[in-house]
Protein backbone atom coordinates (compact mmCIF):
# COMPACT_ATOMS: atom_id res chain seq x y z
CA UNK A 1 -22.26 -23.67 -76.32
CA UNK A 2 -24.07 -25.83 -78.96
CA UNK A 3 -23.57 -29.03 -76.75
CA UNK A 4 -26.69 -30.97 -76.49
CA UNK A 5 -26.16 -34.42 -75.09
CA UNK A 6 -24.90 -35.23 -71.53
CA UNK A 7 -23.58 -39.04 -71.77
CA UNK A 8 -22.36 -41.64 -69.11
CA UNK A 9 -19.90 -43.97 -70.17
CA UNK A 10 -18.94 -47.52 -68.46
CA UNK A 11 -19.25 -48.65 -65.07
CA UNK A 12 -23.16 -47.71 -64.66
CA UNK A 13 -24.42 -51.27 -64.91
CA UNK A 14 -24.40 -53.56 -61.75
CA UNK A 15 -26.02 -57.02 -62.62
CA UNK A 16 -29.10 -58.60 -64.16
CA UNK A 17 -32.19 -60.02 -62.44
CA UNK A 18 -33.53 -63.36 -62.81
CA UNK A 19 -35.48 -62.15 -66.08
CA UNK A 20 -32.11 -60.87 -67.40
CA UNK A 21 -33.12 -57.03 -67.15
CA UNK A 22 -30.11 -54.91 -66.58
CA UNK A 23 -30.07 -52.69 -63.29
CA UNK A 24 -27.91 -49.77 -62.37
CA UNK A 25 -25.13 -50.01 -59.64
CA UNK A 26 -27.17 -48.17 -57.00
CA UNK A 27 -23.78 -47.02 -55.09
CA UNK A 28 -23.34 -45.09 -58.13
CA UNK A 29 -26.58 -44.05 -58.95
CA UNK A 30 -29.10 -44.50 -56.01
CA UNK A 31 -31.88 -42.76 -57.50
CA UNK A 32 -31.55 -44.62 -60.38
CA UNK A 33 -30.69 -43.87 -64.57
CA UNK A 34 -34.42 -43.05 -65.33
CA UNK A 35 -34.28 -40.26 -62.57
CA UNK A 36 -30.82 -39.35 -64.16
CA UNK A 37 -32.32 -39.00 -67.79
CA UNK A 38 -35.54 -37.21 -66.31
CA UNK A 39 -33.28 -34.53 -64.64
CA UNK A 40 -31.10 -34.14 -67.66
CA UNK A 41 -34.11 -33.89 -70.02
CA UNK A 42 -35.40 -31.18 -67.68
CA UNK A 43 -32.34 -29.43 -68.48
CA UNK A 44 -33.09 -29.34 -72.06
CA UNK A 45 -30.26 -31.84 -72.74
CA UNK A 46 -30.19 -35.42 -74.15
CA UNK A 47 -29.34 -38.27 -72.24
CA UNK A 48 -26.69 -40.96 -73.64
CA UNK A 49 -25.88 -44.19 -71.94
CA UNK A 50 -23.03 -46.84 -72.54
CA UNK A 51 -23.04 -50.45 -73.12
CA UNK A 52 -20.91 -53.45 -75.02
CA UNK A 53 -21.46 -55.56 -77.83
CA UNK A 54 -19.70 -58.43 -75.74
CA UNK A 55 -20.68 -60.44 -72.75
CA UNK A 56 -18.80 -57.95 -70.71
CA UNK A 57 -17.92 -54.13 -70.84
CA UNK A 58 -14.53 -53.20 -71.25
CA UNK A 59 -14.32 -52.69 -67.10
CA UNK A 60 -15.88 -55.98 -66.59
CA UNK A 61 -19.75 -54.77 -65.86
CA UNK A 62 -22.60 -56.92 -67.89
CA UNK A 63 -22.34 -56.47 -71.74
CA UNK A 64 -25.14 -56.62 -74.23
CA UNK A 65 -24.64 -59.73 -76.20
CA UNK A 66 -27.23 -61.98 -76.33
CA UNK A 67 -29.50 -59.43 -74.19
CA UNK A 68 -29.99 -56.73 -77.07
CA UNK A 69 -33.67 -56.80 -77.10
CA UNK A 70 -34.32 -56.41 -73.65
CA UNK A 71 -31.47 -53.71 -72.97
CA UNK A 72 -32.91 -51.85 -75.80
CA UNK A 73 -36.62 -51.90 -74.21
CA UNK A 74 -34.79 -50.73 -70.92
CA UNK A 75 -32.68 -48.00 -72.28
CA UNK A 76 -36.15 -46.90 -74.53
CA UNK A 77 -38.35 -47.09 -71.02
CA UNK A 78 -35.44 -44.77 -69.47
CA UNK A 79 -35.81 -42.23 -71.87
CA UNK A 80 -32.29 -42.67 -73.32
CA UNK A 81 -31.49 -40.47 -76.43
CA UNK A 82 -27.99 -41.99 -77.34
CA UNK A 83 -26.16 -45.21 -76.98
CA UNK A 84 -22.51 -45.76 -77.29
CA UNK A 85 -21.82 -49.47 -78.15
CA UNK A 86 -18.25 -50.73 -77.22
CA UNK A 87 -16.24 -53.78 -78.46
CA UNK A 88 -15.00 -55.79 -75.79
CA UNK A 89 -15.19 -59.14 -74.96
CA UNK A 90 -16.83 -60.24 -78.06
CA UNK A 91 -16.59 -63.91 -78.04
CA UNK A 92 -14.68 -64.07 -81.23
CA UNK A 93 -17.82 -62.80 -83.04
CA UNK A 94 -17.27 -60.43 -85.89
CA UNK A 95 -19.03 -56.90 -85.28
CA UNK A 96 -20.54 -57.20 -88.75
CA UNK A 97 -22.62 -59.67 -87.06
CA UNK A 98 -23.06 -58.39 -83.61
CA UNK A 99 -23.86 -54.78 -84.06
CA UNK A 100 -26.59 -55.20 -86.56
CA UNK A 101 -28.78 -56.86 -83.98
CA UNK A 102 -28.56 -53.97 -81.55
CA UNK A 103 -29.28 -51.79 -84.77
CA UNK A 104 -32.65 -53.89 -85.25
CA UNK A 105 -33.39 -54.03 -81.13
CA UNK A 106 -33.46 -50.41 -80.90
CA UNK A 107 -35.32 -49.52 -83.85
CA UNK A 108 -38.02 -51.83 -82.62
CA UNK A 109 -38.45 -49.70 -79.60
CA UNK A 110 -39.79 -47.09 -81.68
CA UNK A 111 -37.78 -44.40 -79.89
CA UNK A 112 -34.81 -42.56 -81.81
CA UNK A 113 -32.16 -43.31 -80.20
CA UNK A 114 -28.43 -42.28 -81.66
CA UNK A 115 -26.53 -45.41 -82.31
CA UNK A 116 -22.87 -44.75 -81.78
CA UNK A 117 -20.51 -47.80 -82.81
CA UNK A 118 -17.24 -47.77 -81.05
CA UNK A 119 -15.73 -50.63 -82.79
CA UNK A 120 -12.41 -49.06 -82.67
CA UNK A 121 -11.89 -49.09 -86.49
CA UNK A 122 -10.76 -53.13 -86.43
CA UNK A 123 -12.94 -54.45 -89.31
CA UNK A 124 -12.86 -50.74 -91.36
CA UNK A 125 -16.43 -49.90 -90.35
CA UNK A 126 -16.50 -47.00 -92.43
CA UNK A 127 -16.91 -49.59 -95.49
CA UNK A 128 -19.90 -51.33 -93.83
CA UNK A 129 -21.54 -49.27 -91.28
CA UNK A 130 -23.39 -46.68 -92.59
CA UNK A 131 -26.46 -49.07 -92.96
CA UNK A 132 -25.89 -50.20 -89.58
CA UNK A 133 -25.14 -47.21 -86.75
CA UNK A 134 -25.37 -43.19 -86.79
CA UNK A 135 -21.59 -43.14 -86.35
CA UNK A 136 -18.62 -45.43 -85.96
CA UNK A 137 -15.09 -45.20 -84.36
CA UNK A 138 -12.61 -44.95 -87.16
CA UNK A 139 -9.59 -45.62 -84.68
CA UNK A 140 -8.64 -47.28 -81.29
CA UNK A 141 -8.81 -44.86 -78.11
CA UNK A 142 -7.03 -41.34 -78.35
CA UNK A 143 -4.67 -39.85 -75.70
CA UNK A 144 -4.04 -36.46 -74.64
CA UNK A 145 -0.79 -36.01 -77.03
CA UNK A 146 0.09 -34.24 -80.12
CA UNK A 147 1.43 -37.26 -82.02
CA UNK A 148 -1.35 -39.58 -80.95
CA UNK A 149 -4.02 -37.09 -82.25
CA UNK A 150 -2.28 -36.74 -85.58
CA UNK A 151 -2.18 -40.18 -86.03
CA UNK A 152 -5.82 -40.75 -85.01
CA UNK A 153 -6.94 -37.84 -87.36
CA UNK A 154 -4.91 -38.66 -90.38
CA UNK A 155 -6.35 -42.34 -90.47
CA UNK A 156 -9.95 -41.05 -89.96
CA UNK A 157 -8.83 -38.79 -92.81
CA UNK A 158 -8.67 -41.90 -95.20
CA UNK A 159 -12.13 -42.61 -94.81
CA UNK A 160 -13.87 -39.16 -95.73
CA UNK A 161 -15.80 -40.03 -98.74
CA UNK A 162 -17.73 -42.79 -96.65
CA UNK A 163 -19.27 -40.14 -94.30
CA UNK A 164 -22.45 -37.94 -94.48
CA UNK A 165 -25.49 -36.91 -92.88
CA UNK A 166 -26.90 -39.59 -90.81
CA UNK A 167 -23.75 -41.73 -90.80
CA UNK A 168 -20.44 -40.01 -89.40
CA UNK A 169 -16.75 -41.14 -89.08
CA UNK A 170 -15.94 -40.72 -85.16
CA UNK A 171 -12.32 -40.44 -84.98
CA UNK A 172 -13.02 -39.72 -81.05
CA UNK A 173 -15.25 -37.99 -78.56
CA UNK A 174 -14.22 -35.36 -76.14
CA UNK A 175 -15.33 -37.09 -72.77
CA UNK A 176 -15.94 -34.87 -69.45
CA UNK A 177 -14.69 -36.98 -66.71
CA UNK A 178 -16.56 -35.51 -63.84
CA UNK A 179 -15.56 -38.90 -61.51
CA UNK A 180 -11.90 -39.03 -61.34
CA UNK A 181 -10.86 -41.61 -63.76
CA UNK A 182 -11.77 -44.08 -66.84
CA UNK A 183 -12.05 -46.97 -64.34
CA UNK A 184 -15.12 -44.94 -63.07
CA UNK A 185 -18.41 -43.63 -64.83
CA UNK A 186 -17.52 -41.11 -67.47
CA UNK A 187 -19.89 -38.01 -68.09
CA UNK A 188 -19.77 -36.29 -71.56
CA UNK A 189 -21.54 -33.55 -73.00
CA UNK A 190 -22.04 -34.12 -76.94
CA UNK A 191 -22.37 -31.59 -79.60
CA UNK A 192 -24.36 -32.83 -82.89
CA UNK A 193 -27.19 -32.18 -84.90
CA UNK A 194 -30.67 -33.46 -84.12
CA UNK A 195 -31.08 -37.35 -83.70
CA UNK A 196 -33.75 -37.55 -86.46
CA UNK A 197 -31.31 -35.80 -88.77
CA UNK A 198 -28.88 -38.87 -88.16
CA UNK A 199 -31.17 -41.19 -88.98
CA UNK A 200 -30.75 -40.36 -92.52
CA UNK A 201 -26.96 -41.63 -92.98
CA UNK A 202 -23.95 -41.93 -90.60
CA UNK A 203 -20.70 -40.53 -89.31
CA UNK A 204 -17.24 -41.88 -88.36
CA UNK A 205 -15.89 -41.29 -84.99
CA UNK A 206 -12.44 -40.11 -83.64
CA UNK A 207 -12.87 -40.71 -80.07
CA UNK A 208 -13.06 -38.14 -76.95
CA UNK A 209 -11.54 -34.53 -77.38
CA UNK A 210 -8.79 -34.41 -74.97
CA UNK A 211 -8.66 -30.65 -75.08
CA UNK A 212 -8.46 -28.93 -71.46
CA UNK A 213 -6.54 -32.10 -69.93
CA UNK A 214 -3.43 -30.37 -69.86
CA UNK A 215 -0.71 -32.52 -71.83
CA UNK A 216 -0.72 -30.27 -75.09
CA UNK A 217 -0.63 -26.43 -75.30
CA UNK A 218 -3.30 -24.06 -76.02
CA UNK A 219 -1.80 -23.85 -79.55
CA UNK A 220 -2.15 -27.49 -80.31
CA UNK A 221 -5.56 -27.59 -78.62
CA UNK A 222 -7.03 -25.03 -81.26
CA UNK A 223 -5.52 -27.21 -83.98
CA UNK A 224 -6.99 -30.31 -82.64
CA UNK A 225 -10.47 -28.54 -82.42
CA UNK A 226 -9.98 -27.26 -85.85
CA UNK A 227 -9.38 -30.54 -86.99
CA UNK A 228 -12.30 -32.57 -85.52
CA UNK A 229 -14.46 -29.47 -86.63
CA UNK A 230 -13.58 -29.67 -89.94
CA UNK A 231 -13.82 -33.66 -90.17
CA UNK A 232 -17.64 -33.21 -88.99
CA UNK A 233 -16.55 -35.52 -85.95
CA UNK A 234 -18.74 -36.16 -83.10
CA UNK A 235 -17.72 -33.43 -80.48
CA UNK A 236 -17.55 -34.84 -77.07
CA UNK A 237 -16.08 -32.76 -74.16
CA UNK A 238 -12.95 -34.82 -72.42
CA UNK A 239 -12.11 -32.64 -69.69
CA UNK A 240 -13.48 -31.90 -66.19
CA UNK A 241 -16.18 -29.39 -66.94
CA UNK A 242 -16.68 -28.27 -63.46
CA UNK A 243 -12.74 -27.07 -63.77
CA UNK A 244 -12.09 -25.73 -67.21
CA UNK A 245 -9.53 -22.61 -67.75
CA UNK A 246 -10.95 -19.85 -69.70
CA UNK A 247 -8.65 -20.87 -72.34
CA UNK A 248 -10.30 -24.34 -72.54
CA UNK A 249 -13.83 -22.85 -72.57
CA UNK A 250 -12.82 -20.32 -75.07
CA UNK A 251 -11.51 -23.14 -77.45
CA UNK A 252 -14.71 -25.69 -76.84
CA UNK A 253 -17.29 -22.83 -77.30
CA UNK A 254 -16.12 -21.31 -80.38
CA UNK A 255 -19.40 -20.82 -82.12
CA UNK A 256 -17.89 -20.02 -85.56
CA UNK A 257 -15.89 -23.38 -85.26
CA UNK A 258 -18.80 -25.49 -84.08
CA UNK A 259 -20.90 -24.16 -86.74
CA UNK A 260 -18.53 -25.62 -89.31
CA UNK A 261 -18.88 -29.03 -87.29
CA UNK A 262 -22.62 -28.57 -87.52
CA UNK A 263 -23.01 -27.41 -90.98
CA UNK A 264 -26.05 -28.74 -92.57
CA UNK A 265 -24.36 -30.16 -96.01
CA UNK A 266 -22.55 -32.70 -93.86
CA UNK A 267 -19.40 -33.16 -96.01
CA UNK A 268 -16.31 -34.20 -94.18
CA UNK A 269 -13.37 -32.06 -94.99
CA UNK A 270 -10.25 -33.93 -95.99
CA UNK A 271 -6.63 -33.27 -96.63
CA UNK A 272 -6.16 -31.45 -100.14
CA UNK A 273 -2.34 -30.83 -99.99
CA UNK A 274 0.52 -32.37 -98.12
CA UNK A 275 4.21 -31.13 -98.08
CA UNK A 276 6.18 -33.86 -96.38
CA UNK A 277 9.31 -31.78 -96.67
CA UNK A 278 8.29 -28.67 -94.57
CA UNK A 279 5.48 -30.85 -92.69
CA UNK A 280 2.61 -28.56 -93.84
CA UNK A 281 -0.94 -29.49 -94.79
CA UNK A 282 -3.86 -27.61 -96.41
CA UNK A 283 -7.42 -29.17 -95.25
CA UNK A 284 -10.66 -28.11 -96.92
CA UNK A 285 -14.44 -28.90 -97.30
CA UNK A 286 -17.50 -27.40 -98.73
CA UNK A 287 -20.19 -25.77 -96.73
CA UNK A 288 -23.79 -25.42 -97.37
CA UNK A 289 -23.82 -21.59 -98.15
CA UNK A 290 -21.28 -22.24 -100.95
CA UNK A 291 -18.48 -21.32 -99.06
CA UNK A 292 -15.09 -23.35 -98.37
CA UNK A 293 -13.63 -24.04 -94.95
CA UNK A 294 -10.06 -24.31 -94.92
CA UNK A 295 -7.60 -25.43 -92.67
CA UNK A 296 -3.68 -24.34 -93.00
CA UNK A 297 -1.93 -26.52 -90.61
CA UNK A 298 1.75 -26.34 -89.59
CA UNK A 299 2.85 -29.90 -88.02
CA UNK A 300 6.50 -28.52 -88.14
CA UNK A 301 8.52 -27.36 -85.12
CA UNK A 302 9.21 -23.96 -86.82
CA UNK A 303 7.06 -20.69 -88.01
CA UNK A 304 6.29 -21.09 -91.69
CA UNK A 305 3.45 -19.57 -94.37
CA UNK A 306 1.36 -21.37 -96.10
CA UNK A 307 -1.21 -20.77 -99.26
CA UNK A 308 -3.89 -21.90 -100.49
CA UNK A 309 -4.70 -21.51 -104.01
CA UNK A 310 -8.48 -21.17 -105.31
CA UNK A 311 -8.13 -23.81 -107.80
CA UNK A 312 -7.49 -26.22 -104.85
CA UNK A 313 -10.76 -25.39 -103.24
CA UNK A 314 -13.03 -25.43 -106.58
CA UNK A 315 -13.06 -21.79 -107.34
CA UNK A 316 -12.35 -20.12 -110.26
CA UNK A 317 -8.63 -18.38 -110.39
CA UNK A 318 -10.41 -14.94 -111.12
CA UNK A 319 -13.00 -15.20 -108.40
CA UNK A 320 -13.20 -12.86 -105.73
CA UNK A 321 -13.73 -14.38 -102.44
CA UNK A 322 -14.15 -13.19 -98.86
CA UNK A 323 -11.56 -14.86 -96.26
CA UNK A 324 -12.60 -14.96 -92.48
CA UNK A 325 -10.54 -16.27 -89.88
CA UNK A 326 -12.57 -18.31 -87.54
CA UNK A 327 -10.34 -18.08 -84.45
CA UNK A 328 -9.49 -14.38 -84.62
CA UNK A 329 -13.54 -13.98 -85.47
CA UNK A 330 -12.83 -11.28 -88.15
CA UNK A 331 -12.64 -10.83 -92.00
CA UNK A 332 -9.52 -10.31 -93.29
CA UNK A 333 -10.36 -9.04 -96.70
CA UNK A 334 -11.42 -9.82 -100.31
CA UNK A 335 -8.96 -11.98 -102.11
CA UNK A 336 -8.19 -13.15 -105.75
CA UNK A 337 -6.72 -16.40 -106.78
CA UNK A 338 -4.89 -17.45 -103.43
CA UNK A 339 -4.94 -16.33 -99.66
CA UNK A 340 -1.19 -16.48 -97.94
CA UNK A 341 -1.01 -16.94 -94.00
CA UNK A 342 2.66 -15.69 -93.94
CA UNK A 343 3.45 -16.84 -90.31
CA UNK A 344 1.73 -19.66 -88.69
CA UNK A 345 3.41 -20.92 -85.52
CA UNK A 346 4.78 -24.30 -85.01
CA UNK A 347 1.85 -26.86 -84.26
CA UNK A 348 -0.56 -23.97 -85.05
CA UNK A 349 -3.54 -23.94 -87.40
CA UNK A 350 -5.23 -20.91 -89.56
CA UNK A 351 -8.91 -21.89 -89.93
CA UNK A 352 -10.87 -19.78 -92.66
CA UNK A 353 -13.71 -19.48 -94.40
CA UNK A 354 -13.77 -18.56 -97.98
CA UNK A 355 -16.84 -17.43 -99.57
CA UNK A 356 -17.10 -16.20 -103.27
CA UNK A 357 -18.58 -12.94 -103.70
CA UNK A 358 -21.50 -12.48 -105.68
């Protein structure tokens, strides 16, 4: 499917010993985190863990504030590949001071660990976090609601110019809850490029993908997945992966859409036209092969058509281009000057790859 990380979220930690070393909750992880990481690696996946840039995590477990070096060394010894670093109980210390300490501690271990900053966008991390982490949350937590999802992606869109290879805007992950709720440890699989690639720059984060949790329609979930993909957001599955419907699996496993998200050029797509009267949008972004990925998004409650014009996406109007529908998995033909999708359902999207013909 293209997902390469399995991450545990809050509640794995239990207490520190007399030397300040963090230990796992043996009721939940009787074999220990190292054994779990080894098992994940044996499945050719990478392993991620959670901590907090405060004295306690959001669920009240021990945080890493003041213990950054010890915790980073522990994570490296366990074989951790990814750290989500949250923002609760921060003792009124601004994140610009707290987050670089863990960056330096992780780098000192010598192990490549993807550093995912979950600062919630409070201090506009897109403006300063590229020198600190590999991704940064641009928004508060997401929920499985159409209106909330749109609010999150609209906010993330404001910071598109600050993302790129090595440093990504993160509007939110798609967390796969295997243990029953947010008060328990959360497990997720994460789709992104190799960690070494991310060490070069950074991306902004959008919180978890709620696709498959049942509070939106399949049409809305397709729009959701499309928006996260074009935004080059980290993709973390946020449903119970042991009980996914066929529709959910089809959405999350769309290889053409994931390929857009993972495109080597690493340019975050953005909103290029907004029709407030009809509640329609056009999003676009360049791809490494010279094509443009385009989203035609109908946010309204009625079926409508949307046209994308070549001059909006950097093509000469006389250019002949092949248009491919990434959800139908079919070429729609060669077009000149524009492409018109005549009937897009309410809350639906048409996701296109438009590539000039030589």
